[in-house]
N, C-alpha and C. Protein backbone atom coordinates (compact mmCIF):
# COMPACT_ATOMS: atom_id res chain seq x y z
N UNK A 1 -30.15 -32.88 -3.24
CA UNK A 1 -28.78 -33.33 -2.04
C UNK A 1 -29.62 -33.28 -0.80
N UNK A 2 -29.31 -34.18 -0.15
CA UNK A 2 -29.99 -34.31 1.28
C UNK A 2 -28.91 -34.08 1.96
N UNK A 3 -28.94 -33.01 3.13
CA UNK A 3 -28.20 -32.37 4.01
C UNK A 3 -28.53 -32.70 5.47
N UNK A 4 -29.60 -33.60 5.75
CA UNK A 4 -29.94 -34.11 6.82
C UNK A 4 -28.84 -34.81 7.62
N UNK A 5 -28.05 -35.58 7.00
CA UNK A 5 -27.20 -36.24 7.89
C UNK A 5 -25.85 -35.63 8.29
N UNK A 6 -25.57 -34.24 7.73
CA UNK A 6 -24.58 -33.71 8.11
C UNK A 6 -24.29 -33.12 9.41
N UNK A 7 -23.27 -33.30 10.23
CA UNK A 7 -23.04 -32.99 11.60
C UNK A 7 -22.68 -31.38 11.62
N UNK A 8 -23.63 -30.44 11.83
CA UNK A 8 -23.05 -29.23 11.63
C UNK A 8 -22.29 -28.60 12.87
N UNK A 9 -22.44 -29.24 14.10
CA UNK A 9 -21.71 -28.86 15.24
C UNK A 9 -20.45 -29.37 15.01
N UNK A 10 -19.82 -30.21 14.37
CA UNK A 10 -18.93 -30.59 14.04
C UNK A 10 -17.97 -29.86 12.97
N UNK A 11 -19.01 -29.42 11.84
CA UNK A 11 -18.49 -28.62 10.66
C UNK A 11 -17.82 -26.78 11.40
N UNK A 12 -18.70 -26.57 12.59
CA UNK A 12 -18.57 -25.08 12.64
C UNK A 12 -17.12 -24.77 12.88
N UNK A 13 -16.31 -25.70 13.88
CA UNK A 13 -14.83 -25.27 14.15
C UNK A 13 -13.95 -25.34 12.76
N UNK A 14 -14.30 -26.49 11.91
CA UNK A 14 -13.48 -26.64 10.80
C UNK A 14 -13.70 -25.44 9.97
N UNK A 15 -14.63 -24.92 9.73
CA UNK A 15 -15.12 -23.79 9.20
C UNK A 15 -14.44 -22.44 9.81
N UNK A 16 -14.53 -22.60 11.17
CA UNK A 16 -13.75 -21.15 11.85
C UNK A 16 -12.35 -21.22 11.72
N UNK A 17 -11.85 -22.33 11.41
CA UNK A 17 -10.29 -22.56 11.49
C UNK A 17 -9.84 -22.12 10.19
N UNK A 18 -10.68 -22.71 9.22
CA UNK A 18 -10.19 -22.30 7.54
C UNK A 18 -10.52 -20.85 7.41
N UNK A 19 -11.34 -20.05 8.06
CA UNK A 19 -11.65 -18.56 7.85
C UNK A 19 -10.55 -17.98 8.55
N UNK A 20 -10.32 -18.21 9.70
CA UNK A 20 -9.09 -17.36 10.41
C UNK A 20 -7.66 -17.66 9.80
N UNK A 21 -7.40 -18.69 8.97
CA UNK A 21 -6.36 -18.94 7.97
C UNK A 21 -6.17 -18.15 6.93
N UNK A 22 -7.37 -18.16 6.28
CA UNK A 22 -7.67 -17.27 5.21
C UNK A 22 -7.21 -15.71 5.59
N UNK A 23 -8.07 -15.37 6.59
CA UNK A 23 -7.76 -13.94 7.13
C UNK A 23 -6.22 -13.66 7.48
N UNK A 24 -5.66 -14.66 8.06
CA UNK A 24 -4.23 -14.50 8.27
C UNK A 24 -3.27 -14.32 7.17
N UNK A 25 -3.70 -15.34 6.15
CA UNK A 25 -2.94 -15.07 4.90
C UNK A 25 -2.87 -14.14 4.04
N UNK A 26 -4.54 -13.65 4.04
CA UNK A 26 -4.42 -12.14 3.38
C UNK A 26 -3.85 -11.00 4.24
N UNK A 27 -4.00 -11.11 5.49
CA UNK A 27 -3.18 -10.03 6.27
C UNK A 27 -1.57 -10.12 5.73
N UNK A 28 -1.17 -11.25 5.65
CA UNK A 28 0.39 -11.23 5.47
C UNK A 28 0.58 -10.94 3.98
N UNK A 29 -0.04 -11.06 3.29
CA UNK A 29 0.18 -10.87 1.88
C UNK A 29 -0.07 -9.32 1.29
N UNK A 30 -1.00 -8.70 2.29
CA UNK A 30 -1.31 -7.36 2.16
C UNK A 30 -0.10 -6.45 2.78
N UNK A 31 0.47 -7.02 3.83
CA UNK A 31 1.64 -6.43 4.59
C UNK A 31 2.79 -6.58 3.76
N UNK A 32 3.30 -7.52 2.95
CA UNK A 32 4.11 -7.78 2.09
C UNK A 32 4.13 -7.02 0.85
N UNK A 33 2.82 -6.54 0.33
CA UNK A 33 2.70 -5.82 -0.68
C UNK A 33 2.82 -4.41 -0.24
N UNK A 34 2.30 -4.09 0.94
CA UNK A 34 2.71 -2.41 1.34
C UNK A 34 4.02 -2.34 1.45
N UNK A 35 4.98 -3.25 2.15
CA UNK A 35 6.31 -3.04 2.43
C UNK A 35 7.07 -2.97 1.12
N UNK A 36 6.69 -3.64 -0.14
CA UNK A 36 7.09 -3.48 -1.17
C UNK A 36 6.91 -2.29 -2.23
N UNK A 37 5.79 -1.72 -1.81
CA UNK A 37 5.47 -0.31 -2.18
C UNK A 37 6.06 0.61 -1.66
N UNK A 38 6.40 0.61 -0.58
CA UNK A 38 7.09 1.46 0.36
C UNK A 38 8.55 1.58 -0.06
N UNK A 39 8.90 0.56 -0.55
CA UNK A 39 10.34 0.41 -0.49
C UNK A 39 10.72 1.14 -2.17
N UNK A 40 9.58 0.59 -2.96
CA UNK A 40 9.61 1.33 -4.51
C UNK A 40 9.56 2.78 -4.38
N UNK A 41 8.68 3.25 -3.45
CA UNK A 41 8.46 4.74 -3.84
C UNK A 41 9.72 5.50 -2.63
N UNK A 42 10.25 4.51 -1.80
CA UNK A 42 11.59 5.61 -1.26
C UNK A 42 12.69 5.47 -2.11
N UNK A 43 12.88 4.29 -2.99
CA UNK A 43 14.10 4.51 -3.99
C UNK A 43 13.40 5.57 -5.29
N UNK A 44 12.18 5.59 -5.50
CA UNK A 44 11.88 6.62 -6.73
C UNK A 44 12.23 7.77 -6.14
N UNK A 45 11.93 8.30 -4.76
CA UNK A 45 12.20 9.66 -4.42
C UNK A 45 13.77 9.73 -4.24
N UNK A 46 14.90 8.70 -3.77
CA UNK A 46 16.16 8.82 -3.91
C UNK A 46 16.54 9.06 -5.13
N UNK A 47 16.12 8.69 -6.28
CA UNK A 47 16.64 8.87 -7.67
C UNK A 47 16.10 10.34 -8.21
N UNK A 48 14.95 10.87 -7.78
CA UNK A 48 14.52 12.24 -7.84
C UNK A 48 15.25 13.10 -7.33
N UNK A 49 15.59 13.04 -5.95
CA UNK A 49 16.52 13.95 -5.19
C UNK A 49 17.80 14.09 -5.93
N UNK A 50 18.43 12.68 -6.15
CA UNK A 50 19.80 12.74 -6.70
C UNK A 50 20.06 13.29 -8.02
N UNK A 51 18.63 13.29 -8.92
CA UNK A 51 18.55 14.25 -10.02
C UNK A 51 18.71 15.78 -9.96
N UNK A 52 18.08 15.96 -8.83
CA UNK A 52 18.11 17.58 -8.46
C UNK A 52 19.46 17.85 -7.93
N UNK A 53 20.19 17.11 -7.25
CA UNK A 53 21.62 17.42 -6.95
C UNK A 53 22.57 17.41 -8.17
N UNK A 54 22.22 16.57 -9.08
CA UNK A 54 22.97 16.63 -10.29
C UNK A 54 22.99 17.61 -11.14
N UNK A 55 21.75 18.19 -11.22
CA UNK A 55 21.68 19.49 -11.97
C UNK A 55 21.90 20.59 -11.27
N UNK A 56 22.06 20.36 -9.98
CA UNK A 56 22.70 21.61 -9.18
C UNK A 56 21.49 22.41 -8.53
N UNK A 57 20.13 21.74 -8.55
CA UNK A 57 19.06 22.51 -8.02
C UNK A 57 19.03 22.82 -6.55
N UNK A 58 19.63 21.52 -5.86
CA UNK A 58 19.88 21.51 -4.35
C UNK A 58 21.16 21.06 -3.99
N UNK A 59 21.85 21.38 -2.97
CA UNK A 59 23.04 20.80 -2.44
C UNK A 59 22.95 19.43 -1.87
N UNK A 60 24.27 18.74 -1.92
CA UNK A 60 24.10 17.64 -1.16
C UNK A 60 23.68 17.39 0.02
N UNK A 61 23.84 18.56 0.99
CA UNK A 61 23.66 18.54 2.20
C UNK A 61 21.97 18.64 2.56
N UNK A 62 21.57 19.39 1.62
CA UNK A 62 19.96 19.70 1.55
C UNK A 62 19.48 18.24 1.28
N UNK A 63 20.14 17.65 0.06
CA UNK A 63 19.33 16.27 -0.37
C UNK A 63 19.37 15.54 0.96
N UNK A 64 20.47 15.50 1.44
CA UNK A 64 20.68 14.44 2.81
C UNK A 64 19.61 14.68 3.77
N UNK A 65 19.28 16.02 3.99
CA UNK A 65 18.34 16.42 4.90
C UNK A 65 17.15 15.84 4.50
N UNK A 66 16.86 16.24 3.39
CA UNK A 66 15.26 15.65 2.75
C UNK A 66 15.01 14.16 2.83
N UNK A 67 16.11 13.42 2.55
CA UNK A 67 16.14 11.82 2.74
C UNK A 67 15.81 11.50 3.96
N UNK A 68 16.54 12.34 4.91
CA UNK A 68 16.49 11.55 6.60
C UNK A 68 15.20 12.28 7.02
N UNK A 69 14.69 13.34 6.43
CA UNK A 69 13.34 13.68 7.22
C UNK A 69 12.45 12.93 7.73
N UNK A 70 12.27 11.70 7.04
CA UNK A 70 11.03 11.11 7.30
C UNK A 70 11.62 9.86 8.30
N UNK A 71 12.58 9.74 8.44
CA UNK A 71 13.52 8.66 9.13
C UNK A 71 13.34 8.92 10.38
N UNK A 72 13.03 7.92 11.51
CA UNK A 72 13.17 7.80 13.06
C UNK A 72 14.23 6.62 13.29
N UNK A 73 15.01 7.01 14.25
CA UNK A 73 15.81 6.07 14.74
C UNK A 73 15.19 5.11 15.68
N UNK A 74 14.05 5.36 16.14
CA UNK A 74 13.54 4.33 17.08
C UNK A 74 12.71 3.12 16.68
N UNK A 75 12.59 3.05 15.29
CA UNK A 75 11.75 2.27 14.61
C UNK A 75 10.06 2.64 14.77
N UNK A 76 9.77 3.52 15.43
CA UNK A 76 8.30 4.17 15.52
C UNK A 76 8.26 5.05 15.30
N UNK A 77 7.12 5.67 14.51
CA UNK A 77 6.86 7.32 14.43
C UNK A 77 6.82 8.10 15.64
N UNK A 78 6.76 7.52 16.79
CA UNK A 78 6.60 8.34 17.87
C UNK A 78 7.56 8.22 18.77
N UNK A 79 8.45 7.79 18.47
CA UNK A 79 9.80 7.36 19.45
C UNK A 79 10.60 8.76 19.35
N UNK A 80 10.95 9.22 20.66
CA UNK A 80 11.57 10.26 21.03
C UNK A 80 13.28 10.15 20.85
N UNK A 81 13.88 11.02 20.16
CA UNK A 81 15.31 11.05 19.97
C UNK A 81 16.03 11.71 21.07
N UNK A 82 17.11 10.83 21.59
CA UNK A 82 17.85 11.84 22.80
C UNK A 82 18.69 12.74 22.39
């Protein structure tokens, strides 16, 4: 295989663009998987807390406080509440 006729200078931008698109696609897919996992775990927690309320181990008010403990109203973990 003779590679002496290949224009390497013209090939570099194409390889860079394809590499960038692959990295972007990987970031999007991993972000979607993370969001799905987070939602699945939150629903699992809600079911477990509901079971504790149903058996009388905790009150509904305590369950509400537990479920709202990790939520922030500002959309950021560091937002200040008024």
